[in-house]
C-alpha atoms as a PDB file:
ATOM      1  CA  MET A   1       5.706 -80.305  75.787  1.00  0.00           C
ATOM      2  CA  SER A   2       8.250 -82.723  74.363  1.00  0.00           C
ATOM      3  CA  GLN A   3       8.031 -85.038  71.375  1.00  0.00           C
ATOM      4  CA  PRO A   4       7.473 -88.170  73.552  1.00  0.00           C
ATOM      5  CA  ALA A   5       4.539 -86.451  75.256  1.00  0.00           C
ATOM      6  CA  PHE A   6       2.778 -85.895  71.937  1.00  0.00           C
ATOM      7  CA  ILE A   7       3.503 -89.489  70.931  1.00  0.00           C
ATOM      8  CA  GLY A   8       2.056 -90.586  74.272  1.00  0.00           C
ATOM      9  CA  TYR A   9      -1.133 -88.651  73.525  1.00  0.00           C
ATOM     10  CA  GLY A  10      -1.468 -90.617  70.289  1.00  0.00           C
ATOM     11  CA  TRP A  11      -0.334 -87.889  67.902  1.00  0.00           C
ATOM     12  CA  ASN A  12       1.402 -88.648  64.627  1.00  0.00           C
ATOM     13  CA  VAL A  13       4.866 -87.112  65.192  1.00  0.00           C
ATOM     14  CA  THR A  14       7.719 -86.793  62.729  1.00  0.00           C
ATOM     15  CA  ARG A  15      10.887 -84.724  62.578  1.00  0.00           C
ATOM     16  CA  VAL A  16      12.583 -82.980  59.674  1.00  0.00           C
ATOM     17  CA  GLY A  17      16.233 -82.519  60.576  1.00  0.00           C
ATOM     18  CA  ASP A  18      16.961 -79.668  58.161  1.00  0.00           C
ATOM     19  CA  ALA A  19      14.523 -76.846  57.409  1.00  0.00           C
ATOM     20  CA  ASN A  20      16.347 -76.229  54.128  1.00  0.00           C
ATOM     21  CA  ASP A  21      15.739 -79.759  52.834  1.00  0.00           C
ATOM     22  CA  LEU A  22      12.648 -79.030  50.753  1.00  0.00           C
ATOM     23  CA  ASP A  23      12.294 -82.639  49.568  1.00  0.00           C
ATOM     24  CA  MET A  24      12.184 -83.853  53.161  1.00  0.00           C
ATOM     25  CA  LEU A  25       9.653 -81.145  54.079  1.00  0.00           C
ATOM     26  CA  ASP A  26       7.456 -82.151  51.121  1.00  0.00           C
ATOM     27  CA  ARG A  27       7.700 -85.806  52.137  1.00  0.00           C
ATOM     28  CA  ALA A  28       6.745 -84.969  55.724  1.00  0.00           C
ATOM     29  CA  LEU A  29       3.760 -82.927  54.570  1.00  0.00           C
ATOM     30  CA  LEU A  30       2.542 -85.509  52.067  1.00  0.00           C
ATOM     31  CA  THR A  31       3.191 -88.645  54.089  1.00  0.00           C
ATOM     32  CA  HIS A  32       2.573 -87.572  57.630  1.00  0.00           C
ATOM     33  CA  LEU A  33       0.217 -84.619  57.461  1.00  0.00           C
ATOM     34  CA  ARG A  34      -2.095 -85.200  54.526  1.00  0.00           C
ATOM     35  CA  LYS A  35      -2.357 -88.997  54.737  1.00  0.00           C
ATOM     36  CA  THR A  36      -2.986 -89.122  58.490  1.00  0.00           C
ATOM     37  CA  THR A  37      -6.613 -88.204  59.045  1.00  0.00           C
ATOM     38  CA  ASP A  38      -7.439 -90.076  62.229  1.00  0.00           C
ATOM     39  CA  ARG A  39      -5.271 -88.060  64.659  1.00  0.00           C
ATOM     40  CA  PRO A  40      -3.377 -84.784  64.942  1.00  0.00           C
ATOM     41  CA  THR A  41       0.031 -84.470  63.298  1.00  0.00           C
ATOM     42  CA  LEU A  42       3.064 -82.631  64.669  1.00  0.00           C
ATOM     43  CA  ILE A  43       5.989 -82.018  62.334  1.00  0.00           C
ATOM     44  CA  ILE A  44       9.086 -80.819  64.185  1.00  0.00           C
ATOM     45  CA  VAL A  45      11.453 -78.919  61.906  1.00  0.00           C
ATOM     46  CA  ASP A  46      15.031 -78.247  62.978  1.00  0.00           C
ATOM     47  CA  SER A  47      16.422 -75.023  61.600  1.00  0.00           C
ATOM     48  CA  HIS A  48      19.602 -73.055  61.942  1.00  0.00           C
ATOM     49  CA  ILE A  49      19.204 -69.339  62.494  1.00  0.00           C
ATOM     50  CA  ALA A  50      21.010 -67.307  59.816  1.00  0.00           C
ATOM     51  CA  TRP A  51      21.635 -70.349  57.611  1.00  0.00           C
ATOM     52  CA  GLY A  52      23.391 -69.143  54.495  1.00  0.00           C
ATOM     53  CA  PHE A  53      24.910 -66.155  56.282  1.00  0.00           C
ATOM     54  CA  ALA A  54      28.344 -65.683  54.702  1.00  0.00           C
ATOM     55  CA  LYS A  55      31.442 -66.426  56.823  1.00  0.00           C
ATOM     56  CA  ILE A  56      34.037 -63.743  57.524  1.00  0.00           C
ATOM     57  CA  SER A  57      37.641 -63.969  58.660  1.00  0.00           C
ATOM     58  CA  LYS A  58      38.510 -63.403  62.335  1.00  0.00           C
ATOM     59  CA  THR A  59      40.113 -60.042  61.632  1.00  0.00           C
ATOM     60  CA  HIS A  60      36.707 -58.618  60.830  1.00  0.00           C
ATOM     61  CA  MET A  61      35.386 -59.831  64.166  1.00  0.00           C
ATOM     62  CA  LEU A  62      37.879 -57.621  65.991  1.00  0.00           C
ATOM     63  CA  ARG A  63      36.283 -54.498  64.532  1.00  0.00           C
ATOM     64  CA  THR A  64      33.103 -52.994  65.862  1.00  0.00           C
ATOM     65  CA  VAL A  65      30.037 -55.190  65.872  1.00  0.00           C
ATOM     66  CA  SER A  66      28.063 -52.865  63.590  1.00  0.00           C
ATOM     67  CA  ARG A  67      30.789 -52.924  60.918  1.00  0.00           C
ATOM     68  CA  TRP A  68      31.035 -56.704  61.318  1.00  0.00           C
ATOM     69  CA  VAL A  69      27.286 -57.183  60.916  1.00  0.00           C
ATOM     70  CA  LYS A  70      27.098 -54.820  57.932  1.00  0.00           C
ATOM     71  CA  LYS A  71      29.904 -56.743  56.230  1.00  0.00           C
ATOM     72  CA  ARG A  72      28.215 -60.093  56.851  1.00  0.00           C
ATOM     73  CA  ILE A  73      24.926 -58.796  55.502  1.00  0.00           C
ATOM     74  CA  LYS A  74      26.662 -57.485  52.393  1.00  0.00           C
ATOM     75  CA  LEU A  75      28.473 -60.807  51.827  1.00  0.00           C
ATOM     76  CA  THR A  76      25.270 -62.760  52.326  1.00  0.00           C
ATOM     77  CA  LYS A  77      23.464 -60.593  49.782  1.00  0.00           C
ATOM     78  CA  ARG A  78      26.368 -61.131  47.377  1.00  0.00           C
ATOM     79  CA  ALA A  79      26.164 -64.901  47.906  1.00  0.00           C
ATOM     80  CA  TYR A  80      22.459 -64.834  46.959  1.00  0.00           C
ATOM     81  CA  GLY A  81      23.110 -62.534  43.992  1.00  0.00           C
ATOM     82  CA  TRP A  82      21.039 -59.711  45.503  1.00  0.00           C
ATOM     83  CA  PRO A  83      21.911 -56.001  45.315  1.00  0.00           C
ATOM     84  CA  GLU A  84      24.358 -55.446  48.181  1.00  0.00           C
ATOM     85  CA  ASP A  85      23.237 -51.905  49.004  1.00  0.00           C
ATOM     86  CA  ALA A  86      19.489 -52.605  49.119  1.00  0.00           C
ATOM     87  CA  LYS A  87      18.117 -51.735  52.585  1.00  0.00           C
ATOM     88  CA  PHE A  88      14.958 -53.816  52.230  1.00  0.00           C
ATOM     89  CA  LEU A  89      14.556 -56.392  49.515  1.00  0.00           C
ATOM     90  CA  VAL A  90      11.823 -58.786  48.560  1.00  0.00           C
ATOM     91  CA  PRO A  91      13.434 -61.020  45.913  1.00  0.00           C
ATOM     92  CA  ASP A  92      11.770 -61.549  42.543  1.00  0.00           C
ATOM     93  CA  GLY A  93       9.166 -64.271  42.609  1.00  0.00           C
ATOM     94  CA  VAL A  94       8.293 -64.043  46.319  1.00  0.00           C
ATOM     95  CA  TYR A  95       4.937 -62.335  45.767  1.00  0.00           C
ATOM     96  CA  ASP A  96       4.042 -64.707  42.921  1.00  0.00           C
ATOM     97  CA  HIS A  97       5.033 -67.720  45.023  1.00  0.00           C
ATOM     98  CA  PHE A  98       2.863 -66.501  47.895  1.00  0.00           C
ATOM     99  CA  GLN A  99      -0.135 -65.825  45.639  1.00  0.00           C
ATOM    100  CA  ALA A 100       0.158 -69.273  44.039  1.00  0.00           C
ATOM    101  CA  GLY A 101       0.186 -70.945  47.471  1.00  0.00           C
ATOM    102  CA  MET A 102      -1.294 -69.386  50.587  1.00  0.00           C
ATOM    103  CA  GLY A 103      -2.680 -66.381  48.763  1.00  0.00           C
ATOM    104  CA  LYS A 104      -4.742 -68.605  46.473  1.00  0.00           C
ATOM    105  CA  THR A 105      -6.000 -71.123  48.999  1.00  0.00           C
ATOM    106  CA  ARG A 106      -6.764 -68.724  51.821  1.00  0.00           C
ATOM    107  CA  THR A 107     -10.350 -69.237  52.879  1.00  0.00           C
ATOM    108  CA  ARG A 108     -10.463 -67.562  56.263  1.00  0.00           C
ATOM    109  CA  SER A 109     -10.947 -63.896  56.937  1.00  0.00           C
ATOM    110  CA  SER A 110      -8.099 -61.998  58.570  1.00  0.00           C
ATOM    111  CA  SER A 111      -9.881 -62.299  61.905  1.00  0.00           C
ATOM    112  CA  GLY A 112      -9.825 -66.105  61.945  1.00  0.00           C
ATOM    113  CA  VAL A 113     -12.877 -68.324  61.507  1.00  0.00           C
ATOM    114  CA  ASP A 114     -14.963 -66.996  58.616  1.00  0.00           C
ATOM    115  CA  GLY A 115     -18.517 -65.734  59.141  1.00  0.00           C
ATOM    116  CA  LYS A 116     -20.285 -68.639  57.439  1.00  0.00           C
ATOM    117  CA  LEU A 117     -18.491 -71.238  59.550  1.00  0.00           C
ATOM    118  CA  LEU A 118     -19.036 -69.236  62.741  1.00  0.00           C
ATOM    119  CA  LYS A 119     -22.802 -68.992  62.036  1.00  0.00           C
ATOM    120  CA  HIS A 120     -22.918 -72.753  61.523  1.00  0.00           C
ATOM    121  CA  ILE A 121     -21.046 -73.395  64.787  1.00  0.00           C
ATOM    122  CA  LYS A 122     -23.244 -70.927  66.734  1.00  0.00           C
ATOM    123  CA  ALA A 123     -26.417 -72.554  65.385  1.00  0.00           C
ATOM    124  CA  LYS A 124     -25.334 -76.043  66.386  1.00  0.00           C
ATOM    125  CA  TYR A 125     -23.264 -75.205  69.491  1.00  0.00           C
ATOM    126  CA  PRO A 126     -24.266 -71.756  70.843  1.00  0.00           C
ATOM    127  CA  ASP A 127     -21.852 -71.777  73.790  1.00  0.00           C
ATOM    128  CA  LEU A 128     -18.893 -72.798  71.635  1.00  0.00           C
ATOM    129  CA  GLY A 129     -19.814 -70.208  69.005  1.00  0.00           C
ATOM    130  CA  ASP A 130     -19.917 -67.460  71.629  1.00  0.00           C
ATOM    131  CA  ALA A 131     -16.574 -68.601  73.039  1.00  0.00           C
ATOM    132  CA  LEU A 132     -14.978 -68.574  69.558  1.00  0.00           C
ATOM    133  CA  LEU A 133     -16.329 -65.097  68.869  1.00  0.00           C
ATOM    134  CA  LYS A 134     -14.955 -63.819  72.179  1.00  0.00           C
ATOM    135  CA  MET A 135     -11.542 -65.363  71.420  1.00  0.00           C
ATOM    136  CA  GLN A 136     -11.445 -63.686  68.007  1.00  0.00           C
ATOM    137  CA  ARG A 137     -12.257 -60.340  69.631  1.00  0.00           C
ATOM    138  CA  ARG A 138      -9.695 -61.006  72.385  1.00  0.00           C
ATOM    139  CA  GLN A 139     -12.404 -60.800  75.060  1.00  0.00           C
ATOM    140  CA  LEU A 140     -12.544 -62.749  78.295  1.00  0.00           C
ATOM    141  CA  PRO A 141     -15.489 -65.090  78.960  1.00  0.00           C
ATOM    142  CA  ASP A 142     -18.416 -63.701  80.949  1.00  0.00           C
ATOM    143  CA  GLY A 143     -17.935 -64.158  84.684  1.00  0.00           C
ATOM    144  CA  TRP A 144     -14.233 -65.048  84.414  1.00  0.00           C
ATOM    145  CA  ASP A 145     -13.528 -63.014  87.558  1.00  0.00           C
ATOM    146  CA  LYS A 146     -16.406 -64.263  89.769  1.00  0.00           C
ATOM    147  CA  ARG A 147     -14.224 -66.641  91.794  1.00  0.00           C
ATOM    148  CA  TYR A 148     -11.767 -63.911  92.780  1.00  0.00           C
ATOM    149  CA  PRO A 149     -12.480 -61.836  95.898  1.00  0.00           C
ATOM    150  CA  ARG A 150     -13.225 -58.127  95.560  1.00  0.00           C
ATOM    151  CA  LEU A 151     -10.543 -56.175  97.412  1.00  0.00           C
ATOM    152  CA  PRO A 152     -11.283 -52.781  98.933  1.00  0.00           C
ATOM    153  CA  CYS A 153      -9.800 -49.672  97.332  1.00  0.00           C
ATOM    154  CA  ARG A 154      -7.024 -48.205  99.470  1.00  0.00           C
ATOM    155  CA  SER A 155      -5.839 -45.263  97.470  1.00  0.00           C
ATOM    156  CA  LYS A 156      -7.277 -41.800  96.907  1.00  0.00           C
ATOM    157  CA  GLY A 157      -9.481 -41.597  93.858  1.00  0.00           C
ATOM    158  CA  CYS A 158     -10.027 -45.359  93.714  1.00  0.00           C
ATOM    159  CA  SER A 159     -13.502 -46.368  92.593  1.00  0.00           C
ATOM    160  CA  ARG A 160     -15.293 -49.591  91.835  1.00  0.00           C
ATOM    161  CA  SER A 161     -17.786 -49.922  89.050  1.00  0.00           C
END
């Protein structure tokens, strides 16, 4: 669905033109997301894949792709001040940053809607509660296949339950 479609449905829609512009992202979150409580908000964020990836001269591009990629990765790590030979690196502060944000405010269980909320929903709206529970368990609704005809088995060893 396109941006005009969401606007047409009455959504609050805004666009951040650069995913690396943290001030603009903050402004979009504060102004458009948190202050708009009467309708859904969609924030479209434009990003550039591999932003910050170091540039290399054309002579390197003539070599094999794997050597070219390895060189670019090494130069990118150098540009960020990271150890160039590290195979897998989580920079200092990432875990602390996560714990201070999402890690601290996380209220849902890893399976989605928490048990207390689900009990409340099931008590007030039994059908909706059952549907939510089935979605969390990746189960299809009861009777989903009733409208489809049963086809006869045509191969050896075929059985119907």
